[in-house]
Amino acid sequence: MKRKLVTILMLIVLSVGVVACGQRSTDMQPDDQEKKSDEALAEKTEPTVSKEGFAIQEISDELFARMQVGNTYKEDCVVPREDLRYLLVLHKDKDGNTHQGEMVVHKLIAEDVLEIFEKL
């Protein structure tokens, strides 16, 4: 069962880049300013689904601007902003430490992705 969840999660994560029509930088450890910015974004947009450490939110103006500047949402993207959701998830690193992460996915799979991360 765990192997199946991991496989599904890997497929979903791979599809995130396609959904957002771009790539996020490979920097895995955001600096303090980015963490504060992420926290501010989470506070400004009311979560539609929330559990401690996990949330699904619509794409706020601030987040959308960050996506455009960071080249994760390109000008010619065929997926409209309204079809995307911002997820806050908890995940563990290789040493077992828990971290707050973020991702943007299509609204049709947002709840499934959140559920997978909650189970993991």
Protein backbone atom coordinates (compact mmCIF):
# COMPACT_ATOMS: atom_id res chain seq x y z
CA MET A 1 0.00 0.00 0.00
CA LYS A 2 2.80 2.42 0.94
CA ARG A 3 4.62 1.65 -2.30
CA LYS A 4 1.44 2.36 -4.28
CA LEU A 5 1.01 5.72 -2.50
CA VAL A 6 4.61 6.67 -3.18
CA THR A 7 4.22 5.76 -6.86
CA ILE A 8 1.04 7.81 -7.15
CA LEU A 9 2.70 10.71 -5.35
CA MET A 10 5.67 10.61 -7.72
CA LEU A 11 3.35 10.72 -10.74
CA ILE A 12 1.43 13.64 -9.27
CA VAL A 13 4.57 15.59 -8.42
CA LEU A 14 5.85 15.06 -11.96
CA SER A 15 2.57 16.37 -13.33
CA VAL A 16 2.78 19.52 -11.20
CA GLY A 17 5.42 21.01 -13.49
CA VAL A 18 3.25 20.34 -16.52
CA VAL A 19 0.17 21.80 -14.84
CA ALA A 20 1.96 24.99 -13.87
CA CYS A 21 3.53 25.31 -17.34
CA GLY A 22 7.03 25.84 -16.05
CA GLN A 23 9.68 24.78 -13.60
CA ARG A 24 10.41 25.98 -10.09
CA SER A 25 13.96 26.68 -9.06
CA THR A 26 15.84 23.70 -7.69
CA ASP A 27 16.63 25.44 -4.40
CA MET A 28 15.20 23.08 -1.80
CA GLN A 29 15.79 25.26 1.27
CA PRO A 30 13.99 28.61 1.01
CA ASP A 31 15.63 31.47 2.85
CA ASP A 32 13.95 33.20 5.80
CA GLN A 33 12.45 35.91 3.57
CA GLU A 34 10.78 33.30 1.34
CA LYS A 35 9.44 31.44 4.42
CA LYS A 36 7.96 34.68 5.76
CA SER A 37 6.48 35.40 2.32
CA ASP A 38 4.95 31.91 2.16
CA GLU A 39 3.45 32.34 5.63
CA ALA A 40 2.01 35.71 4.63
CA LEU A 41 0.47 34.17 1.51
CA ALA A 42 -1.09 31.40 3.56
CA GLU A 43 -2.61 33.94 5.95
CA LYS A 44 -3.99 36.23 3.20
CA THR A 45 -5.84 33.51 1.29
CA GLU A 46 -8.58 31.72 3.19
CA PRO A 47 -7.97 27.95 3.01
CA THR A 48 -10.78 25.94 1.44
CA VAL A 49 -9.60 22.70 3.07
CA SER A 50 -7.44 22.70 6.16
CA LYS A 51 -5.93 20.29 8.66
CA GLU A 52 -3.04 21.12 10.95
CA GLY A 53 -0.06 21.60 8.63
CA PHE A 54 -2.11 20.98 5.47
CA ALA A 55 -4.22 23.37 3.41
CA ILE A 56 -5.68 23.96 -0.04
CA GLN A 57 -6.08 27.56 -1.15
CA GLU A 58 -7.03 29.45 -4.26
CA ILE A 59 -4.17 31.26 -5.97
CA SER A 60 -3.89 34.71 -4.37
CA ASP A 61 -2.73 37.77 -6.31
CA GLU A 62 0.57 37.75 -4.40
CA LEU A 63 1.22 34.08 -5.13
CA PHE A 64 0.29 34.49 -8.79
CA ALA A 65 2.74 37.38 -9.11
CA ARG A 66 5.44 35.22 -7.50
CA MET A 67 4.66 32.37 -9.91
CA GLN A 68 5.01 34.70 -12.89
CA VAL A 69 8.28 36.24 -11.68
CA GLY A 70 9.66 32.81 -10.74
CA ASN A 71 8.79 31.51 -14.21
CA THR A 72 6.48 28.75 -12.92
CA TYR A 73 3.49 30.24 -14.72
CA LYS A 74 4.42 31.27 -18.23
CA GLU A 75 2.56 33.83 -20.31
CA ASP A 76 1.32 31.20 -22.79
CA CYS A 77 0.16 28.70 -20.16
CA VAL A 78 -3.10 27.03 -21.21
CA VAL A 79 -4.18 26.23 -17.65
CA PRO A 80 -6.12 29.19 -16.23
CA ARG A 81 -5.20 30.50 -12.80
CA GLU A 82 -8.71 29.70 -11.57
CA ASP A 83 -8.07 25.98 -12.18
CA LEU A 84 -4.99 25.89 -9.95
CA ARG A 85 -4.75 25.43 -6.19
CA TYR A 86 -1.94 26.23 -3.75
CA LEU A 87 -1.19 23.39 -1.34
CA LEU A 88 0.64 23.62 1.95
CA VAL A 89 1.85 20.19 3.07
CA LEU A 90 4.07 18.70 5.70
CA HIS A 91 6.80 16.38 4.50
CA LYS A 92 9.82 14.64 5.98
CA ASP A 93 13.40 14.92 4.79
CA LYS A 94 15.83 12.01 4.61
CA ASP A 95 16.75 12.53 8.27
CA GLY A 96 13.12 12.33 9.40
CA ASN A 97 12.73 16.07 10.10
CA THR A 98 9.34 17.58 9.29
CA HIS A 99 9.16 20.60 6.96
CA GLN A 100 6.37 22.78 5.58
CA GLY A 101 6.25 22.56 1.80
CA GLU A 102 4.21 24.10 -0.95
CA MET A 103 3.05 23.15 -4.42
CA VAL A 104 0.59 24.22 -7.06
CA VAL A 105 -1.65 21.59 -8.65
CA HIS A 106 -4.82 21.45 -10.72
CA LYS A 107 -7.96 21.85 -8.61
CA LEU A 108 -9.25 18.44 -9.76
CA ILE A 109 -6.42 16.60 -7.98
CA ALA A 110 -5.76 19.00 -5.08
CA GLU A 111 -7.70 17.04 -2.44
CA ASP A 112 -6.16 13.73 -3.57
CA VAL A 113 -2.62 15.13 -3.40
CA LEU A 114 -3.30 16.59 0.04
CA GLU A 115 -4.68 13.25 1.24
CA ILE A 116 -1.58 11.42 -0.05
CA PHE A 117 0.73 13.78 1.84
CA GLU A 118 -1.36 13.41 4.99
CA LYS A 119 -1.02 9.62 4.79
CA LEU A 120 2.69 9.77 4.07
